[in-house]
């Protein structure tokens, strides 16, 4: 048994304080995520070290564009999630439970993760595929040894975390790549069965301001749910105001899947409109994802218009920055190199 942290006892039950569900868990039961169980009055982290997925990816695949562009990361995940998104591409693991016997890459101790990253020449490690917040003890322990070995760390997260949870992880995470699924309660209730985006907003701001993390935002634009001009403008305005105009916003195309298989794919003009809205709201970098549109993922200097980074798929084909600034005019692009 691996004891969890970020919880407290309430009588014969335990209260998990890691995510905003703050589940009150009876003996022998798990919280909403399915991976944190009350075992004789102690909260147990059932998936500690249990890896379902392991791969070497370009960091651009996360997607992260403004932190160590062109780097590879060792990507790993487990099972379970704090949300239940109706369009989850990884539902086989996000909706799985440890007892399901789902396919695993094996059991990896934190030192094994570092050894694997170094073996594959990866300067960083990304916690991804399923929700890494619910794996917090493992992520924290991995983060410690990663930093000791000179590796950076990336959280690919839905951002649904409490202040206590974020502060537990804070000093061990370098990049907070967060999904912002909408700006309204309606969008969050419909898409992922949680009542409000506010905890996601608060955590992203704290990740940047309190812990100095590099933050990038992804919004998968789903027709009829979060694709209105009002919703997109509210997201863009929040990013610009709360996180700053240099924060990358990745606007990605939805394809019919799972609970939303009856919807149409996101029209390309809707994505272009989102990019226009983002620019109007003051964002310097709005990228289009899941589309084959030339230039939609290039980093263009907002001052001189030079193409500072040109991308084809996940590959960088031109890199004209120096120290995170545009090589042509010297404008700071907010890129960590």
Protein backbone atom coordinates (compact mmCIF):
# COMPACT_ATOMS: atom_id res chain seq x y z
CA UNK A 1 0.00 0.00 0.00
CA UNK A 2 1.24 3.49 -0.85
CA UNK A 3 -0.27 6.08 1.46
CA UNK A 4 -1.75 9.11 -0.26
CA UNK A 5 -1.21 12.65 0.93
CA UNK A 6 -3.35 15.82 0.79
CA UNK A 7 -6.27 14.45 2.83
CA UNK A 8 -7.62 14.44 6.35
CA UNK A 9 -9.78 12.19 8.51
CA UNK A 10 -13.40 12.95 9.35
CA UNK A 11 -14.55 10.34 11.82
CA UNK A 12 -14.31 6.92 10.20
CA UNK A 13 -14.17 8.51 6.75
CA UNK A 14 -11.41 10.37 4.93
CA UNK A 15 -11.70 13.64 3.04
CA UNK A 16 -9.50 13.86 -0.05
CA UNK A 17 -8.32 17.45 -0.50
CA UNK A 18 -6.55 16.98 -3.83
CA UNK A 19 -9.22 18.02 -6.33
CA UNK A 20 -12.34 20.20 -5.99
CA UNK A 21 -14.64 17.20 -5.59
CA UNK A 22 -13.18 16.89 -2.06
CA UNK A 23 -14.62 13.40 -1.82
CA UNK A 24 -15.66 12.12 1.61
CA UNK A 25 -14.74 8.46 1.30
CA UNK A 26 -16.04 5.57 3.41
CA UNK A 27 -13.97 2.55 4.34
CA UNK A 28 -13.24 0.36 1.33
CA UNK A 29 -14.46 2.91 -1.19
CA UNK A 30 -12.73 5.23 -3.67
CA UNK A 31 -13.33 8.83 -4.61
CA UNK A 32 -14.68 10.11 -7.92
CA UNK A 33 -11.36 9.42 -9.64
CA UNK A 34 -11.50 5.72 -8.73
CA UNK A 35 -7.84 5.56 -7.72
CA UNK A 36 -7.78 6.91 -4.13
CA UNK A 37 -9.26 4.53 -1.55
CA UNK A 38 -10.02 4.61 2.14
CA UNK A 39 -8.17 1.59 3.52
CA UNK A 40 -8.68 1.23 7.25
CA UNK A 41 -8.85 4.97 7.77
CA UNK A 42 -5.91 5.87 5.55
CA UNK A 43 -6.20 7.25 2.03
CA UNK A 44 -4.35 4.94 -0.32
CA UNK A 45 -2.89 5.96 -3.71
CA UNK A 46 -3.81 2.86 -5.70
CA UNK A 47 -1.97 3.74 -8.93
CA UNK A 48 1.37 4.83 -7.49
CA UNK A 49 3.96 3.67 -10.03
CA UNK A 50 1.41 1.81 -12.18
CA UNK A 51 1.96 2.94 -15.76
CA UNK A 52 -0.58 2.26 -18.50
CA UNK A 53 1.14 4.21 -21.28
CA UNK A 54 4.74 5.15 -22.02
CA UNK A 55 6.20 6.85 -25.10
CA UNK A 56 8.79 9.31 -26.32
CA UNK A 57 7.07 12.34 -27.89
CA UNK A 58 8.00 15.73 -29.25
CA UNK A 59 6.93 18.34 -26.72
CA UNK A 60 4.87 19.94 -29.50
CA UNK A 61 2.52 16.94 -29.33
CA UNK A 62 1.34 17.89 -25.81
CA UNK A 63 0.87 20.58 -27.31
CA UNK A 64 3.51 22.86 -25.80
CA UNK A 65 5.05 25.35 -28.23
CA UNK A 66 6.84 27.92 -26.09
CA UNK A 67 8.86 25.74 -23.73
CA UNK A 68 11.97 24.04 -25.06
CA UNK A 69 10.73 23.94 -28.68
CA UNK A 70 11.88 20.82 -30.48
CA UNK A 71 12.63 18.87 -27.30
CA UNK A 72 11.48 15.31 -26.77
CA UNK A 73 9.77 14.22 -23.56
CA UNK A 74 9.23 10.86 -21.97
CA UNK A 75 5.44 10.72 -21.68
CA UNK A 76 3.67 8.50 -19.18
CA UNK A 77 0.25 8.00 -17.68
CA UNK A 78 -1.79 5.63 -15.54
CA UNK A 79 -5.59 5.18 -15.22
CA UNK A 80 -8.50 7.22 -13.87
CA UNK A 81 -9.63 10.83 -14.08
CA UNK A 82 -11.35 13.52 -12.02
CA UNK A 83 -13.64 14.40 -14.94
CA UNK A 84 -15.77 12.38 -17.31
CA UNK A 85 -15.39 14.13 -20.63
CA UNK A 86 -17.77 12.93 -23.28
CA UNK A 87 -15.15 13.33 -26.02
CA UNK A 88 -12.11 11.87 -24.24
CA UNK A 89 -9.70 10.32 -26.75
CA UNK A 90 -8.08 8.23 -24.00
CA UNK A 91 -11.28 6.97 -22.37
CA UNK A 92 -9.99 3.39 -22.23
CA UNK A 93 -7.55 4.47 -19.51
CA UNK A 94 -9.25 7.59 -18.13
CA UNK A 95 -12.39 5.62 -17.31
CA UNK A 96 -10.53 2.51 -16.19
CA UNK A 97 -9.85 1.53 -12.60
CA UNK A 98 -6.78 -0.21 -11.17
CA UNK A 99 -8.74 -3.41 -10.60
CA UNK A 100 -9.80 -3.61 -14.26
CA UNK A 101 -6.51 -5.16 -15.29
CA UNK A 102 -6.11 -2.56 -18.04
CA UNK A 103 -2.96 -2.87 -20.18
CA UNK A 104 0.06 -1.41 -18.49
CA UNK A 105 3.58 -0.61 -19.56
CA UNK A 106 4.55 -1.95 -16.13
CA UNK A 107 5.47 -0.66 -12.72
CA UNK A 108 8.01 2.15 -12.73
CA UNK A 109 9.59 3.69 -9.68
CA UNK A 110 10.53 7.38 -9.98
CA UNK A 111 14.20 6.50 -10.48
CA UNK A 112 13.16 4.22 -13.35
CA UNK A 113 11.40 7.15 -15.03
CA UNK A 114 14.55 9.26 -14.90
CA UNK A 115 16.68 6.38 -16.16
CA UNK A 116 14.32 5.82 -19.09
CA UNK A 117 14.26 9.53 -19.98
CA UNK A 118 18.04 9.70 -19.96
CA UNK A 119 18.33 6.48 -21.95
CA UNK A 120 16.12 7.94 -24.68
CA UNK A 121 17.87 11.32 -24.67
CA UNK A 122 14.80 13.17 -23.36
CA UNK A 123 15.51 16.40 -21.44
CA UNK A 124 12.01 16.31 -19.94
CA UNK A 125 9.22 14.12 -18.60
CA UNK A 126 5.50 14.70 -19.27
CA UNK A 127 2.68 13.35 -17.11
CA UNK A 128 -0.15 12.87 -19.58
CA UNK A 129 -2.63 10.46 -21.23
CA UNK A 130 -4.88 10.29 -18.16
CA UNK A 131 -5.29 13.02 -15.53
CA UNK A 132 -1.97 13.38 -13.65
CA UNK A 133 -3.44 15.35 -10.73
CA UNK A 134 -4.95 12.16 -9.29
CA UNK A 135 -1.47 10.60 -9.46
CA UNK A 136 -0.07 13.43 -7.35
CA UNK A 137 2.18 11.48 -4.99
CA UNK A 138 3.89 9.73 -7.88
CA UNK A 139 4.15 12.92 -9.93
CA UNK A 140 5.71 14.72 -6.98
CA UNK A 141 8.24 11.99 -6.32
CA UNK A 142 9.11 11.77 -10.02
CA UNK A 143 9.41 15.55 -10.19
CA UNK A 144 11.93 15.57 -7.35
CA UNK A 145 14.25 13.07 -9.00
CA UNK A 146 13.73 14.61 -12.45
CA UNK A 147 14.88 18.01 -11.20
CA UNK A 148 17.80 16.43 -9.37
CA UNK A 149 18.86 14.87 -12.69
CA UNK A 150 18.43 18.15 -14.60
CA UNK A 151 15.20 17.16 -16.36
CA UNK A 152 12.17 19.42 -16.71
CA UNK A 153 8.59 18.31 -16.01
CA UNK A 154 5.29 18.87 -17.80
CA UNK A 155 1.73 18.40 -16.53
CA UNK A 156 -0.82 17.82 -19.29
CA UNK A 157 -3.86 18.40 -17.14
CA UNK A 158 -7.53 19.30 -16.97
CA UNK A 159 -6.45 21.70 -14.23
CA UNK A 160 -9.08 20.50 -11.75
CA UNK A 161 -7.05 20.80 -8.57
CA UNK A 162 -7.34 22.48 -5.18
CA UNK A 163 -4.92 25.06 -3.83
CA UNK A 164 -3.60 22.42 -1.43
CA UNK A 165 -3.06 20.00 -4.30
CA UNK A 166 -1.32 22.55 -6.50
CA UNK A 167 0.95 23.66 -3.68
CA UNK A 168 1.83 20.03 -2.99
CA UNK A 169 3.11 19.71 -6.57
CA UNK A 170 4.16 23.29 -7.26
CA UNK A 171 7.93 23.31 -6.92
CA UNK A 172 8.28 20.07 -8.87
CA UNK A 173 6.45 21.08 -12.09
CA UNK A 174 7.84 23.37 -14.80
CA UNK A 175 5.01 23.42 -17.36
CA UNK A 176 1.26 23.56 -16.70
CA UNK A 177 -0.40 22.65 -20.01
CA UNK A 178 -4.04 23.04 -19.10
CA UNK A 179 -7.31 22.35 -20.88
CA UNK A 180 -9.82 25.18 -20.63
CA UNK A 181 -12.96 23.54 -21.94
CA UNK A 182 -15.09 26.66 -21.80
CA UNK A 183 -15.77 29.83 -19.87
CA UNK A 184 -19.23 28.92 -18.61
CA UNK A 185 -20.69 26.48 -16.12
CA UNK A 186 -22.90 25.13 -18.89
CA UNK A 187 -19.89 24.16 -21.02
CA UNK A 188 -18.18 22.38 -18.14
CA UNK A 189 -21.31 20.55 -17.02
CA UNK A 190 -22.04 19.41 -20.56
CA UNK A 191 -18.53 18.47 -21.64
CA UNK A 192 -16.97 16.98 -18.54
CA UNK A 193 -19.60 16.67 -15.79
CA UNK A 194 -18.08 19.16 -13.35
CA UNK A 195 -20.02 22.14 -12.04
CA UNK A 196 -17.72 25.08 -12.76
CA UNK A 197 -14.51 26.17 -14.49
CA UNK A 198 -13.51 28.41 -11.58
CA UNK A 199 -11.11 25.93 -9.92
CA UNK A 200 -9.37 25.46 -13.28
CA UNK A 201 -8.99 29.22 -13.70
CA UNK A 202 -7.73 29.73 -10.16
CA UNK A 203 -5.19 26.92 -10.40
CA UNK A 204 -3.76 28.13 -13.71
CA UNK A 205 -3.20 31.62 -12.32
CA UNK A 206 -1.61 30.23 -9.16
CA UNK A 207 0.59 27.86 -11.18
CA UNK A 208 2.02 30.83 -13.01
CA UNK A 209 2.10 33.50 -10.33
CA UNK A 210 2.88 31.49 -7.20
CA UNK A 211 5.00 28.71 -8.67
CA UNK A 212 6.48 30.30 -11.78
CA UNK A 213 5.27 27.57 -14.11
CA UNK A 214 5.13 28.09 -17.84
CA UNK A 215 1.43 27.92 -18.78
CA UNK A 216 -0.18 27.06 -22.12
CA UNK A 217 -3.91 26.62 -22.72
CA UNK A 218 -5.81 24.23 -25.00
CA UNK A 219 -9.48 24.53 -25.96
CA UNK A 220 -11.04 21.76 -28.00
CA UNK A 221 -13.86 23.55 -29.82
CA UNK A 222 -17.00 21.39 -29.76
CA UNK A 223 -19.92 22.44 -31.98
CA UNK A 224 -23.07 23.61 -30.12
CA UNK A 225 -21.32 23.44 -26.73
CA UNK A 226 -18.36 25.84 -26.54
CA UNK A 227 -18.10 27.19 -30.08
CA UNK A 228 -20.11 30.39 -29.80
CA UNK A 229 -18.34 33.69 -30.32
CA UNK A 230 -19.35 34.68 -26.78
CA UNK A 231 -17.82 31.58 -25.21
CA UNK A 232 -14.62 31.81 -27.23
CA UNK A 233 -14.27 35.51 -26.51
CA UNK A 234 -14.72 34.91 -22.80
CA UNK A 235 -11.97 32.27 -22.83
CA UNK A 236 -9.60 34.50 -24.78
CA UNK A 237 -10.29 37.50 -22.58
CA UNK A 238 -9.64 35.45 -19.46
CA UNK A 239 -6.32 34.12 -20.80
CA UNK A 240 -5.13 37.59 -21.81
CA UNK A 241 -6.20 39.20 -18.56
CA UNK A 242 -5.32 36.50 -16.05
CA UNK A 243 -2.31 34.80 -17.65
CA UNK A 244 -1.00 37.47 -19.97
CA UNK A 245 -1.04 38.17 -23.72
CA UNK A 246 2.01 35.98 -24.44
CA UNK A 247 0.22 32.86 -23.16
CA UNK A 248 -0.21 30.44 -26.08
CA UNK A 249 -3.81 29.42 -26.79
CA UNK A 250 -4.17 26.20 -28.78
CA UNK A 251 -7.60 26.06 -30.40
CA UNK A 252 -8.13 22.51 -31.60
CA UNK A 253 -10.60 20.83 -33.90
CA UNK A 254 -13.12 18.40 -32.43
CA UNK A 255 -13.97 15.18 -34.24
CA UNK A 256 -17.13 13.13 -33.46
CA UNK A 257 -16.33 10.64 -30.74
CA UNK A 258 -17.70 8.68 -27.80
CA UNK A 259 -20.65 10.49 -26.14
CA UNK A 260 -20.57 13.23 -28.78
CA UNK A 261 -20.38 11.01 -31.83
CA UNK A 262 -23.59 12.60 -33.12
CA UNK A 263 -21.99 16.04 -33.53
CA UNK A 264 -20.20 17.32 -36.61
CA UNK A 265 -16.48 18.06 -36.70
CA UNK A 266 -15.58 21.63 -35.90
CA UNK A 267 -15.84 23.71 -39.08
CA UNK A 268 -12.49 25.22 -40.04
CA UNK A 269 -14.03 28.72 -40.26
CA UNK A 270 -14.99 28.41 -36.56
CA UNK A 271 -11.34 27.84 -35.67
CA UNK A 272 -10.27 30.77 -37.79
CA UNK A 273 -12.86 32.89 -36.03
CA UNK A 274 -11.47 31.78 -32.67
CA UNK A 275 -8.02 32.89 -33.77
CA UNK A 276 -9.40 36.26 -34.85
CA UNK A 277 -11.23 36.65 -31.54
CA UNK A 278 -8.08 35.74 -29.62
CA UNK A 279 -6.13 38.40 -31.45
CA UNK A 280 -8.88 40.96 -30.80
CA UNK A 281 -8.72 40.15 -27.09
CA UNK A 282 -4.99 40.81 -27.08
CA UNK A 283 -3.45 37.34 -27.35
CA UNK A 284 -0.18 37.29 -29.26
CA UNK A 285 -0.15 33.58 -30.07
CA UNK A 286 -3.25 31.60 -31.09
CA UNK A 287 -2.53 28.26 -32.72
CA UNK A 288 -4.92 25.97 -34.59
CA UNK A 289 -4.63 22.25 -33.87
CA UNK A 290 -5.93 19.06 -35.51
CA UNK A 291 -6.06 20.82 -38.87
CA UNK A 292 -3.84 20.69 -41.93
CA UNK A 293 -3.67 24.42 -42.51
CA UNK A 294 -0.38 25.96 -43.57
CA UNK A 295 1.02 28.38 -41.03
CA UNK A 296 -1.61 27.67 -38.37
CA UNK A 297 1.00 26.42 -35.92
CA UNK A 298 3.83 28.80 -36.77
CA UNK A 299 5.10 31.24 -34.16
CA UNK A 300 4.90 34.67 -35.75
CA UNK A 301 6.50 37.67 -34.10
CA UNK A 302 3.71 40.12 -33.11
CA UNK A 303 6.07 43.08 -33.63
CA UNK A 304 7.75 42.51 -37.00
CA UNK A 305 5.76 39.63 -38.47
CA UNK A 306 8.77 37.38 -38.92
CA UNK A 307 8.21 33.63 -38.70
CA UNK A 308 10.22 32.88 -35.59
CA UNK A 309 9.35 29.17 -35.56
CA UNK A 310 7.91 27.30 -38.55
CA UNK A 311 6.30 23.94 -37.85
CA UNK A 312 5.11 21.09 -40.03
CA UNK A 313 3.13 18.72 -37.88
CA UNK A 314 5.21 18.15 -34.77
CA UNK A 315 8.44 18.99 -36.57
CA UNK A 316 10.21 22.36 -36.42
CA UNK A 317 11.55 23.19 -39.88
CA UNK A 318 12.77 26.71 -39.10
CA UNK A 319 13.85 28.12 -35.76
CA UNK A 320 14.74 31.81 -35.76
CA UNK A 321 14.76 32.73 -32.07
CA UNK A 322 17.55 33.60 -29.70
CA UNK A 323 17.10 33.42 -25.96
CA UNK A 324 13.34 33.25 -26.45
CA UNK A 325 13.27 36.41 -28.56
CA UNK A 326 12.63 37.04 -32.23
CA UNK A 327 15.96 36.93 -34.03
CA UNK A 328 14.76 39.47 -36.58
CA UNK A 329 13.76 42.29 -34.22
CA UNK A 330 14.61 41.17 -30.69
CA UNK A 331 11.03 41.07 -29.42
CA UNK A 332 10.59 38.79 -26.39
CA UNK A 333 8.25 35.98 -27.43
CA UNK A 334 7.88 34.39 -24.01
CA UNK A 335 9.65 31.25 -25.18
CA UNK A 336 11.75 29.23 -22.75
CA UNK A 337 14.72 27.71 -24.61
